[in-house]
């Protein structure tokens, strides 16, 4: 097996395959990741959350399950992790819960 890898033709083919795979993939960036939302898009997504969903998110916050609250908000809005985390933090601050 090692002898086959040292064959110049096989090595050349491996180098070409690696190079093509790397360039097609997008130079290290995940081409499947969504484009970031603008602030206006994020605000619109937060406005679309129903009152009952906010009640579920508030219940998770009250139970000190911040991660579950973030997950609920992400599924309801389609926001990314950072935007959802900031929104939950803002919701906690608005409700006077501060950092816990």
PDB file of N, CA and C in Angstrom:
ATOM      1  N   UNK A   1       0.825  -1.192   0.000  1.00  0.00           N
ATOM      2  CA  UNK A   1       0.000   0.000   0.000  1.00  0.00           C
ATOM      3  C   UNK A   1       0.875   1.266   0.000  1.00  0.00           C
ATOM      4  N   UNK A   2       1.901   1.288   0.824  1.00  0.00           N
ATOM      5  CA  UNK A   2       2.795   2.441   0.891  1.00  0.00           C
ATOM      6  C   UNK A   2       3.494   2.642  -0.451  1.00  0.00           C
ATOM      7  N   UNK A   3       3.824   1.550  -1.096  1.00  0.00           N
ATOM      8  CA  UNK A   3       4.504   1.659  -2.387  1.00  0.00           C
ATOM      9  C   UNK A   3       3.614   2.362  -3.419  1.00  0.00           C
ATOM     10  N   UNK A   4       2.299   2.110  -3.342  1.00  0.00           N
ATOM     11  CA  UNK A   4       1.366   2.737  -4.283  1.00  0.00           C
ATOM     12  C   UNK A   4       1.276   4.241  -4.037  1.00  0.00           C
ATOM     13  N   UNK A   5       1.361   4.649  -2.762  1.00  0.00           N
ATOM     14  CA  UNK A   5       1.289   6.072  -2.451  1.00  0.00           C
ATOM     15  C   UNK A   5       2.530   6.829  -2.901  1.00  0.00           C
ATOM     16  N   UNK A   6       3.646   6.137  -2.973  1.00  0.00           N
ATOM     17  CA  UNK A   6       4.869   6.814  -3.400  1.00  0.00           C
ATOM     18  C   UNK A   6       4.978   6.918  -4.921  1.00  0.00           C
ATOM     19  N   UNK A   7       4.040   6.336  -5.625  1.00  0.00           N
ATOM     20  CA  UNK A   7       4.014   6.442  -7.091  1.00  0.00           C
ATOM     21  C   UNK A   7       3.704   7.894  -7.460  1.00  0.00           C
ATOM     22  N   UNK A   8       4.493   8.526  -8.312  1.00  0.00           N
ATOM     23  CA  UNK A   8       4.276   9.937  -8.671  1.00  0.00           C
ATOM     24  C   UNK A   8       2.890  10.209  -9.252  1.00  0.00           C
ATOM     25  N   UNK A   9       2.335   9.287 -10.003  1.00  0.00           N
ATOM     26  CA  UNK A   9       1.005   9.496 -10.588  1.00  0.00           C
ATOM     27  C   UNK A   9      -0.060   9.560  -9.505  1.00  0.00           C
ATOM     28  N   UNK A  10       0.048   8.662  -8.524  1.00  0.00           N
ATOM     29  CA  UNK A  10      -0.922   8.647  -7.427  1.00  0.00           C
ATOM     30  C   UNK A  10      -0.774   9.905  -6.586  1.00  0.00           C
ATOM     31  N   UNK A  11       0.437  10.296  -6.284  1.00  0.00           N
ATOM     32  CA  UNK A  11       0.668  11.514  -5.510  1.00  0.00           C
ATOM     33  C   UNK A  11       0.115  12.741  -6.230  1.00  0.00           C
ATOM     34  N   UNK A  12       0.358  12.816  -7.528  1.00  0.00           N
ATOM     35  CA  UNK A  12      -0.149  13.937  -8.309  1.00  0.00           C
ATOM     36  C   UNK A  12      -1.681  13.972  -8.264  1.00  0.00           C
ATOM     37  N   UNK A  13      -2.316  12.819  -8.408  1.00  0.00           N
ATOM     38  CA  UNK A  13      -3.781  12.751  -8.371  1.00  0.00           C
ATOM     39  C   UNK A  13      -4.310  13.162  -7.007  1.00  0.00           C
ATOM     40  N   UNK A  14      -3.641  12.750  -5.930  1.00  0.00           N
ATOM     41  CA  UNK A  14      -4.067  13.145  -4.583  1.00  0.00           C
ATOM     42  C   UNK A  14      -3.946  14.649  -4.369  1.00  0.00           C
ATOM     43  N   UNK A  15      -2.851  15.221  -4.840  1.00  0.00           N
ATOM     44  CA  UNK A  15      -2.659  16.666  -4.694  1.00  0.00           C
ATOM     45  C   UNK A  15      -3.729  17.432  -5.474  1.00  0.00           C
ATOM     46  N   UNK A  16      -4.012  17.009  -6.688  1.00  0.00           N
ATOM     47  CA  UNK A  16      -5.040  17.671  -7.501  1.00  0.00           C
ATOM     48  C   UNK A  16      -6.409  17.532  -6.845  1.00  0.00           C
ATOM     49  N   UNK A  17      -6.730  16.338  -6.329  1.00  0.00           N
ATOM     50  CA  UNK A  17      -8.023  16.122  -5.683  1.00  0.00           C
ATOM     51  C   UNK A  17      -8.162  16.999  -4.443  1.00  0.00           C
ATOM     52  N   UNK A  18      -7.113  17.089  -3.643  1.00  0.00           N
ATOM     53  CA  UNK A  18      -7.143  17.931  -2.456  1.00  0.00           C
ATOM     54  C   UNK A  18      -7.328  19.398  -2.834  1.00  0.00           C
ATOM     55  N   UNK A  19      -6.585  19.852  -3.826  1.00  0.00           N
ATOM     56  CA  UNK A  19      -6.666  21.242  -4.259  1.00  0.00           C
ATOM     57  C   UNK A  19      -8.072  21.576  -4.770  1.00  0.00           C
ATOM     58  N   UNK A  20      -8.613  20.715  -5.616  1.00  0.00           N
ATOM     59  CA  UNK A  20      -9.955  20.968  -6.152  1.00  0.00           C
ATOM     60  C   UNK A  20     -11.012  20.953  -5.052  1.00  0.00           C
ATOM     61  N   UNK A  21     -10.904  20.017  -4.133  1.00  0.00           N
ATOM     62  CA  UNK A  21     -11.851  19.965  -3.020  1.00  0.00           C
ATOM     63  C   UNK A  21     -11.790  21.210  -2.166  1.00  0.00           C
ATOM     64  N   UNK A  22     -10.590  21.695  -1.936  1.00  0.00           N
ATOM     65  CA  UNK A  22     -10.416  22.890  -1.118  1.00  0.00           C
ATOM     66  C   UNK A  22     -10.967  24.128  -1.813  1.00  0.00           C
ATOM     67  N   UNK A  23     -10.722  24.272  -3.102  1.00  0.00           N
ATOM     68  CA  UNK A  23     -11.194  25.464  -3.807  1.00  0.00           C
ATOM     69  C   UNK A  23     -12.693  25.429  -4.046  1.00  0.00           C
ATOM     70  N   UNK A  24     -13.248  24.274  -4.310  1.00  0.00           N
ATOM     71  CA  UNK A  24     -14.692  24.184  -4.534  1.00  0.00           C
ATOM     72  C   UNK A  24     -15.447  24.447  -3.244  1.00  0.00           C
ATOM     73  N   UNK A  25     -14.888  24.015  -2.118  1.00  0.00           N
ATOM     74  CA  UNK A  25     -15.548  24.177  -0.831  1.00  0.00           C
ATOM     75  C   UNK A  25     -15.626  25.637  -0.410  1.00  0.00           C
ATOM     76  N   UNK A  26     -14.774  26.463  -0.859  1.00  0.00           N
ATOM     77  CA  UNK A  26     -14.862  27.884  -0.537  1.00  0.00           C
ATOM     78  C   UNK A  26     -13.749  28.392   0.331  1.00  0.00           C
ATOM     79  N   UNK A  27     -12.581  27.856   0.192  1.00  0.00           N
ATOM     80  CA  UNK A  27     -11.395  28.317   0.917  1.00  0.00           C
ATOM     81  C   UNK A  27     -11.584  28.331   2.418  1.00  0.00           C
ATOM     82  N   UNK A  28     -12.094  27.240   2.959  1.00  0.00           N
ATOM     83  CA  UNK A  28     -12.203  27.106   4.398  1.00  0.00           C
ATOM     84  C   UNK A  28     -13.502  27.604   4.985  1.00  0.00           C
ATOM     85  N   UNK A  29     -14.309  28.296   4.242  1.00  0.00           N
ATOM     86  CA  UNK A  29     -15.590  28.764   4.755  1.00  0.00           C
ATOM     87  C   UNK A  29     -16.656  27.738   4.441  1.00  0.00           C
ATOM     88  N   UNK A  30     -17.573  27.572   5.350  1.00  0.00           N
ATOM     89  CA  UNK A  30     -18.662  26.642   5.122  1.00  0.00           C
ATOM     90  C   UNK A  30     -19.682  27.320   4.225  1.00  0.00           C
ATOM     91  N   UNK A  31     -19.801  26.840   3.016  1.00  0.00           N
ATOM     92  CA  UNK A  31     -20.695  27.483   2.056  1.00  0.00           C
ATOM     93  C   UNK A  31     -22.163  27.212   2.373  1.00  0.00           C
ATOM     94  N   UNK A  32     -22.428  26.305   3.307  1.00  0.00           N
ATOM     95  CA  UNK A  32     -23.813  25.999   3.673  1.00  0.00           C
ATOM     96  C   UNK A  32     -24.337  26.895   4.783  1.00  0.00           C
ATOM     97  N   UNK A  33     -23.473  27.680   5.410  1.00  0.00           N
ATOM     98  CA  UNK A  33     -23.928  28.535   6.493  1.00  0.00           C
ATOM     99  C   UNK A  33     -24.768  29.684   5.937  1.00  0.00           C
ATOM    100  N   UNK A  34     -25.816  30.063   6.660  1.00  0.00           N
ATOM    101  CA  UNK A  34     -26.677  31.133   6.166  1.00  0.00           C
ATOM    102  C   UNK A  34     -25.986  32.487   6.245  1.00  0.00           C
ATOM    103  N   UNK A  35     -26.461  33.398   5.435  1.00  0.00           N
ATOM    104  CA  UNK A  35     -25.926  34.752   5.494  1.00  0.00           C
ATOM    105  C   UNK A  35     -26.442  35.426   6.762  1.00  0.00           C
ATOM    106  N   UNK A  36     -25.630  36.234   7.399  1.00  0.00           N
ATOM    107  CA  UNK A  36     -26.067  36.885   8.634  1.00  0.00           C
ATOM    108  C   UNK A  36     -27.236  37.829   8.380  1.00  0.00           C
ATOM    109  N   UNK A  37     -28.124  37.915   9.360  1.00  0.00           N
ATOM    110  CA  UNK A  37     -29.272  38.811   9.262  1.00  0.00           C
ATOM    111  C   UNK A  37     -28.840  40.236   9.589  1.00  0.00           C
ATOM    112  N   UNK A  38     -29.510  41.176   8.974  1.00  0.00           N
ATOM    113  CA  UNK A  38     -29.292  42.573   9.334  1.00  0.00           C
ATOM    114  C   UNK A  38     -30.070  42.870  10.607  1.00  0.00           C
ATOM    115  N   UNK A  39     -29.792  44.001  11.206  1.00  0.00           N
ATOM    116  CA  UNK A  39     -30.509  44.390  12.421  1.00  0.00           C
ATOM    117  C   UNK A  39     -32.008  44.538  12.161  1.00  0.00           C
ATOM    118  N   UNK A  40     -32.348  45.042  10.977  1.00  0.00           N
ATOM    119  CA  UNK A  40     -33.759  45.224  10.635  1.00  0.00           C
ATOM    120  C   UNK A  40     -34.452  43.865  10.490  1.00  0.00           C
ATOM    121  N   UNK A  41     -33.751  42.901   9.867  1.00  0.00           N
ATOM    122  CA  UNK A  41     -34.314  41.560   9.727  1.00  0.00           C
ATOM    123  C   UNK A  41     -34.504  40.903  11.092  1.00  0.00           C
ATOM    124  N   UNK A  42     -33.526  41.074  11.969  1.00  0.00           N
ATOM    125  CA  UNK A  42     -33.611  40.488  13.308  1.00  0.00           C
ATOM    126  C   UNK A  42     -34.766  41.110  14.087  1.00  0.00           C
ATOM    127  N   UNK A  43     -34.913  42.431  13.976  1.00  0.00           N
ATOM    128  CA  UNK A  43     -36.016  43.103  14.671  1.00  0.00           C
ATOM    129  C   UNK A  43     -37.358  42.634  14.130  1.00  0.00           C
ATOM    130  N   UNK A  44     -37.449  42.462  12.819  1.00  0.00           N
ATOM    131  CA  UNK A  44     -38.685  41.954  12.229  1.00  0.00           C
ATOM    132  C   UNK A  44     -38.995  40.540  12.677  1.00  0.00           C
ATOM    133  N   UNK A  45     -37.961  39.714  12.800  1.00  0.00           N
ATOM    134  CA  UNK A  45     -38.166  38.341  13.263  1.00  0.00           C
ATOM    135  C   UNK A  45     -38.638  38.323  14.708  1.00  0.00           C
ATOM    136  N   UNK A  46     -38.095  39.217  15.537  1.00  0.00           N
ATOM    137  CA  UNK A  46     -38.518  39.274  16.939  1.00  0.00           C
ATOM    138  C   UNK A  46     -39.954  39.772  17.071  1.00  0.00           C
ATOM    139  N   UNK A  47     -40.353  40.677  16.185  1.00  0.00           N
ATOM    140  CA  UNK A  47     -41.734  41.170  16.219  1.00  0.00           C
ATOM    141  C   UNK A  47     -42.736  40.099  15.824  1.00  0.00           C
ATOM    142  N   UNK A  48     -42.288  39.113  15.068  1.00  0.00           N
ATOM    143  CA  UNK A  48     -43.199  38.064  14.607  1.00  0.00           C
ATOM    144  C   UNK A  48     -43.450  36.980  15.652  1.00  0.00           C
ATOM    145  N   UNK A  49     -42.735  37.031  16.768  1.00  0.00           N
ATOM    146  CA  UNK A  49     -42.921  36.023  17.818  1.00  0.00           C
ATOM    147  C   UNK A  49     -44.260  36.261  18.506  1.00  0.00           C
ATOM    148  N   UNK A  50     -45.030  35.195  18.650  1.00  0.00           N
ATOM    149  CA  UNK A  50     -46.357  35.311  19.262  1.00  0.00           C
ATOM    150  C   UNK A  50     -46.244  35.481  20.771  1.00  0.00           C
ATOM    151  N   UNK A  51     -47.322  35.952  21.367  1.00  0.00           N
ATOM    152  CA  UNK A  51     -47.356  36.164  22.811  1.00  0.00           C
ATOM    153  C   UNK A  51     -47.192  34.833  23.542  1.00  0.00           C
ATOM    154  N   UNK A  52     -47.831  33.793  23.030  1.00  0.00           N
ATOM    155  CA  UNK A  52     -47.708  32.492  23.696  1.00  0.00           C
ATOM    156  C   UNK A  52     -46.268  31.978  23.645  1.00  0.00           C
ATOM    157  N   UNK A  53     -45.560  32.242  22.555  1.00  0.00           N
ATOM    158  CA  UNK A  53     -44.162  31.816  22.465  1.00  0.00           C
ATOM    159  C   UNK A  53     -43.305  32.608  23.438  1.00  0.00           C
ATOM    160  N   UNK A  54     -43.577  33.922  23.578  1.00  0.00           N
ATOM    161  CA  UNK A  54     -42.845  34.724  24.558  1.00  0.00           C
ATOM    162  C   UNK A  54     -43.113  34.219  25.968  1.00  0.00           C
ATOM    163  N   UNK A  55     -44.333  33.753  26.219  1.00  0.00           N
ATOM    164  CA  UNK A  55     -44.647  33.203  27.544  1.00  0.00           C
ATOM    165  C   UNK A  55     -43.822  31.943  27.807  1.00  0.00           C
ATOM    166  N   UNK A  56     -43.652  31.114  26.791  1.00  0.00           N
ATOM    167  CA  UNK A  56     -42.811  29.916  26.934  1.00  0.00           C
ATOM    168  C   UNK A  56     -41.358  30.311  27.191  1.00  0.00           C
ATOM    169  N   UNK A  57     -40.881  31.301  26.451  1.00  0.00           N
ATOM    170  CA  UNK A  57     -39.495  31.762  26.624  1.00  0.00           C
ATOM    171  C   UNK A  57     -39.315  32.357  28.016  1.00  0.00           C
ATOM    172  N   UNK A  58     -40.307  33.155  28.476  1.00  0.00           N
ATOM    173  CA  UNK A  58     -40.233  33.735  29.814  1.00  0.00           C
ATOM    174  C   UNK A  58     -40.250  32.659  30.898  1.00  0.00           C
ATOM    175  N   UNK A  59     -41.013  31.597  30.673  1.00  0.00           N
ATOM    176  CA  UNK A  59     -41.051  30.502  31.638  1.00  0.00           C
ATOM    177  C   UNK A  59     -39.686  29.821  31.746  1.00  0.00           C
ATOM    178  N   UNK A  60     -39.012  29.667  30.620  1.00  0.00           N
ATOM    179  CA  UNK A  60     -37.674  29.080  30.642  1.00  0.00           C
ATOM    180  C   UNK A  60     -36.683  30.016  31.343  1.00  0.00           C
ATOM    181  N   UNK A  61     -36.831  31.305  31.109  1.00  0.00           N
ATOM    182  CA  UNK A  61     -35.955  32.281  31.774  1.00  0.00           C
ATOM    183  C   UNK A  61     -36.198  32.241  33.276  1.00  0.00           C
ATOM    184  N   UNK A  62     -37.468  32.206  33.684  1.00  0.00           N
ATOM    185  CA  UNK A  62     -37.802  32.156  35.112  1.00  0.00           C
ATOM    186  C   UNK A  62     -37.259  30.902  35.781  1.00  0.00           C
ATOM    187  N   UNK A  63     -37.205  29.818  35.037  1.00  0.00           N
ATOM    188  CA  UNK A  63     -36.688  28.556  35.572  1.00  0.00           C
ATOM    189  C   UNK A  63     -35.171  28.471  35.464  1.00  0.00           C
ATOM    190  N   UNK A  64     -34.544  29.594  35.083  1.00  0.00           N
ATOM    191  CA  UNK A  64     -33.092  29.694  34.935  1.00  0.00           C
ATOM    192  C   UNK A  64     -32.547  28.720  33.894  1.00  0.00           C
ATOM    193  N   UNK A  65     -33.315  28.527  32.839  1.00  0.00           N
ATOM    194  CA  UNK A  65     -32.868  27.696  31.717  1.00  0.00           C
ATOM    195  C   UNK A  65     -32.696  28.598  30.501  1.00  0.00           C
ATOM    196  N   UNK A  66     -31.643  29.386  30.554  1.00  0.00           N
ATOM    197  CA  UNK A  66     -31.366  30.372  29.511  1.00  0.00           C
ATOM    198  C   UNK A  66     -31.117  29.699  28.161  1.00  0.00           C
ATOM    199  N   UNK A  67     -30.412  28.570  28.170  1.00  0.00           N
ATOM    200  CA  UNK A  67     -30.127  27.867  26.911  1.00  0.00           C
ATOM    201  C   UNK A  67     -31.420  27.395  26.244  1.00  0.00           C
ATOM    202  N   UNK A  68     -32.361  26.900  27.033  1.00  0.00           N
ATOM    203  CA  UNK A  68     -33.640  26.453  26.479  1.00  0.00           C
ATOM    204  C   UNK A  68     -34.418  27.637  25.922  1.00  0.00           C
ATOM    205  N   UNK A  69     -34.326  28.788  26.595  1.00  0.00           N
ATOM    206  CA  UNK A  69     -34.997  29.991  26.106  1.00  0.00           C
ATOM    207  C   UNK A  69     -34.411  30.436  24.773  1.00  0.00           C
ATOM    208  N   UNK A  70     -33.102  30.368  24.661  1.00  0.00           N
ATOM    209  CA  UNK A  70     -32.437  30.731  23.403  1.00  0.00           C
ATOM    210  C   UNK A  70     -32.861  29.783  22.296  1.00  0.00           C
ATOM    211  N   UNK A  71     -32.932  28.504  22.614  1.00  0.00           N
ATOM    212  CA  UNK A  71     -33.333  27.510  21.615  1.00  0.00           C
ATOM    213  C   UNK A  71     -34.770  27.747  21.148  1.00  0.00           C
ATOM    214  N   UNK A  72     -35.670  28.045  22.076  1.00  0.00           N
ATOM    215  CA  UNK A  72     -37.054  28.347  21.701  1.00  0.00           C
ATOM    216  C   UNK A  72     -37.122  29.563  20.787  1.00  0.00           C
ATOM    217  N   UNK A  73     -36.361  30.581  21.122  1.00  0.00           N
ATOM    218  CA  UNK A  73     -36.365  31.798  20.308  1.00  0.00           C
ATOM    219  C   UNK A  73     -35.791  31.531  18.922  1.00  0.00           C
ATOM    220  N   UNK A  74     -34.749  30.724  18.860  1.00  0.00           N
ATOM    221  CA  UNK A  74     -34.151  30.403  17.550  1.00  0.00           C
ATOM    222  C   UNK A  74     -35.134  29.651  16.664  1.00  0.00           C
ATOM    223  N   UNK A  75     -35.861  28.700  17.246  1.00  0.00           N
ATOM    224  CA  UNK A  75     -36.820  27.943  16.436  1.00  0.00           C
ATOM    225  C   UNK A  75     -38.000  28.806  16.021  1.00  0.00           C
ATOM    226  N   UNK A  76     -38.374  29.769  16.857  1.00  0.00           N
ATOM    227  CA  UNK A  76     -39.513  30.622  16.533  1.00  0.00           C
ATOM    228  C   UNK A  76     -39.180  31.671  15.473  1.00  0.00           C
ATOM    229  N   UNK A  77     -37.927  32.116  15.446  1.00  0.00           N
ATOM    230  CA  UNK A  77     -37.575  33.239  14.580  1.00  0.00           C
ATOM    231  C   UNK A  77     -36.627  32.899  13.445  1.00  0.00           C
ATOM    232  N   UNK A  78     -35.827  31.865  13.609  1.00  0.00           N
ATOM    233  CA  UNK A  78     -34.809  31.571  12.614  1.00  0.00           C
ATOM    234  C   UNK A  78     -33.560  32.412  12.793  1.00  0.00           C
ATOM    235  N   UNK A  79     -33.466  33.101  13.917  1.00  0.00           N
ATOM    236  CA  UNK A  79     -32.285  33.909  14.207  1.00  0.00           C
ATOM    237  C   UNK A  79     -31.088  33.008  14.482  1.00  0.00           C
ATOM    238  N   UNK A  80     -29.913  33.567  14.359  1.00  0.00           N
ATOM    239  CA  UNK A  80     -28.701  32.847  14.687  1.00  0.00           C
ATOM    240  C   UNK A  80     -28.491  32.819  16.193  1.00  0.00           C
ATOM    241  N   UNK A  81     -27.472  32.085  16.598  1.00  0.00           N
ATOM    242  CA  UNK A  81     -27.193  31.923  18.021  1.00  0.00           C
ATOM    243  C   UNK A  81     -26.881  33.257  18.695  1.00  0.00           C
ATOM    244  N   UNK A  82     -26.033  34.060  18.066  1.00  0.00           N
ATOM    245  CA  UNK A  82     -25.622  35.335  18.669  1.00  0.00           C
ATOM    246  C   UNK A  82     -26.819  36.269  18.845  1.00  0.00           C
ATOM    247  N   UNK A  83     -27.627  36.416  17.800  1.00  0.00           N
ATOM    248  CA  UNK A  83     -28.784  37.311  17.875  1.00  0.00           C
ATOM    249  C   UNK A  83     -29.804  36.813  18.899  1.00  0.00           C
ATOM    250  N   UNK A  84     -30.005  35.507  18.949  1.00  0.00           N
ATOM    251  CA  UNK A  84     -30.954  34.950  19.914  1.00  0.00           C
ATOM    252  C   UNK A  84     -30.465  35.148  21.342  1.00  0.00           C
ATOM    253  N   UNK A  85     -29.177  34.946  21.543  1.00  0.00           N
ATOM    254  CA  UNK A  85     -28.609  35.134  22.883  1.00  0.00           C
ATOM    255  C   UNK A  85     -28.748  36.584  23.330  1.00  0.00           C
ATOM    256  N   UNK A  86     -28.454  37.510  22.419  1.00  0.00           N
ATOM    257  CA  UNK A  86     -28.594  38.929  22.760  1.00  0.00           C
ATOM    258  C   UNK A  86     -30.039  39.295  23.053  1.00  0.00           C
ATOM    259  N   UNK A  87     -30.976  38.723  22.300  1.00  0.00           N
ATOM    260  CA  UNK A  87     -32.387  39.016  22.517  1.00  0.00           C
ATOM    261  C   UNK A  87     -32.864  38.476  23.859  1.00  0.00           C
ATOM    262  N   UNK A  88     -32.416  37.283  24.222  1.00  0.00           N
ATOM    263  CA  UNK A  88     -32.804  36.715  25.518  1.00  0.00           C
ATOM    264  C   UNK A  88     -32.182  37.527  26.647  1.00  0.00           C
ATOM    265  N   UNK A  89     -30.933  37.948  26.482  1.00  0.00           N
ATOM    266  CA  UNK A  89     -30.304  38.798  27.498  1.00  0.00           C
ATOM    267  C   UNK A  89     -31.069  40.113  27.653  1.00  0.00           C
ATOM    268  N   UNK A  90     -31.470  40.704  26.542  1.00  0.00           N
ATOM    269  CA  UNK A  90     -32.230  41.958  26.587  1.00  0.00           C
ATOM    270  C   UNK A  90     -33.577  41.727  27.264  1.00  0.00           C
ATOM    271  N   UNK A  91     -34.200  40.593  26.980  1.00  0.00           N
ATOM    272  CA  UNK A  91     -35.489  40.263  27.608  1.00  0.00           C
ATOM    273  C   UNK A  91     -35.320  40.106  29.118  1.00  0.00           C
ATOM    274  N   UNK A  92     -34.226  39.461  29.518  1.00  0.00           N
ATOM    275  CA  UNK A  92     -33.953  39.296  30.946  1.00  0.00           C
ATOM    276  C   UNK A  92     -33.708  40.650  31.614  1.00  0.00           C
ATOM    277  N   UNK A  93     -32.974  41.521  30.938  1.00  0.00           N
ATOM    278  CA  UNK A  93     -32.689  42.842  31.502  1.00  0.00           C
ATOM    279  C   UNK A  93     -33.964  43.669  31.598  1.00  0.00           C
ATOM    280  N   UNK A  94     -34.825  43.562  30.598  1.00  0.00           N
ATOM    281  CA  UNK A  94     -36.065  44.315  30.616  1.00  0.00           C
ATOM    282  C   UNK A  94     -36.994  43.831  31.732  1.00  0.00           C
ATOM    283  N   UNK A  95     -36.877  42.573  32.090  1.00  0.00           N
ATOM    284  CA  UNK A  95     -37.707  42.009  33.149  1.00  0.00           C
ATOM    285  C   UNK A  95     -37.026  42.150  34.506  1.00  0.00           C
ATOM    286  N   UNK A  96     -35.858  42.799  34.554  1.00  0.00           N
ATOM    287  CA  UNK A  96     -35.154  43.049  35.798  1.00  0.00           C
ATOM    288  C   UNK A  96     -34.484  41.819  36.381  1.00  0.00           C
ATOM    289  N   UNK A  97     -34.117  40.879  35.523  1.00  0.00           N
ATOM    290  CA  UNK A  97     -33.533  39.642  36.030  1.00  0.00           C
ATOM    291  C   UNK A  97     -32.018  39.714  36.102  1.00  0.00           C
ATOM    292  N   UNK A  98     -31.409  40.628  35.384  1.00  0.00           N
ATOM    293  CA  UNK A  98     -29.963  40.780  35.418  1.00  0.00           C
ATOM    294  C   UNK A  98     -29.232  39.509  35.052  1.00  0.00           C
ATOM    295  N   UNK A  99     -27.999  39.423  35.509  1.00  0.00           N
ATOM    296  CA  UNK A  99     -27.161  38.258  35.180  1.00  0.00           C
ATOM    297  C   UNK A  99     -27.310  37.204  36.248  1.00  0.00           C
ATOM    298  N   UNK A 100     -27.607  35.980  35.825  1.00  0.00           N
ATOM    299  CA  UNK A 100     -27.741  34.863  36.778  1.00  0.00           C
ATOM    300  C   UNK A 100     -26.907  33.719  36.361  1.00  0.00           C
TER     301      UNK A 100
END
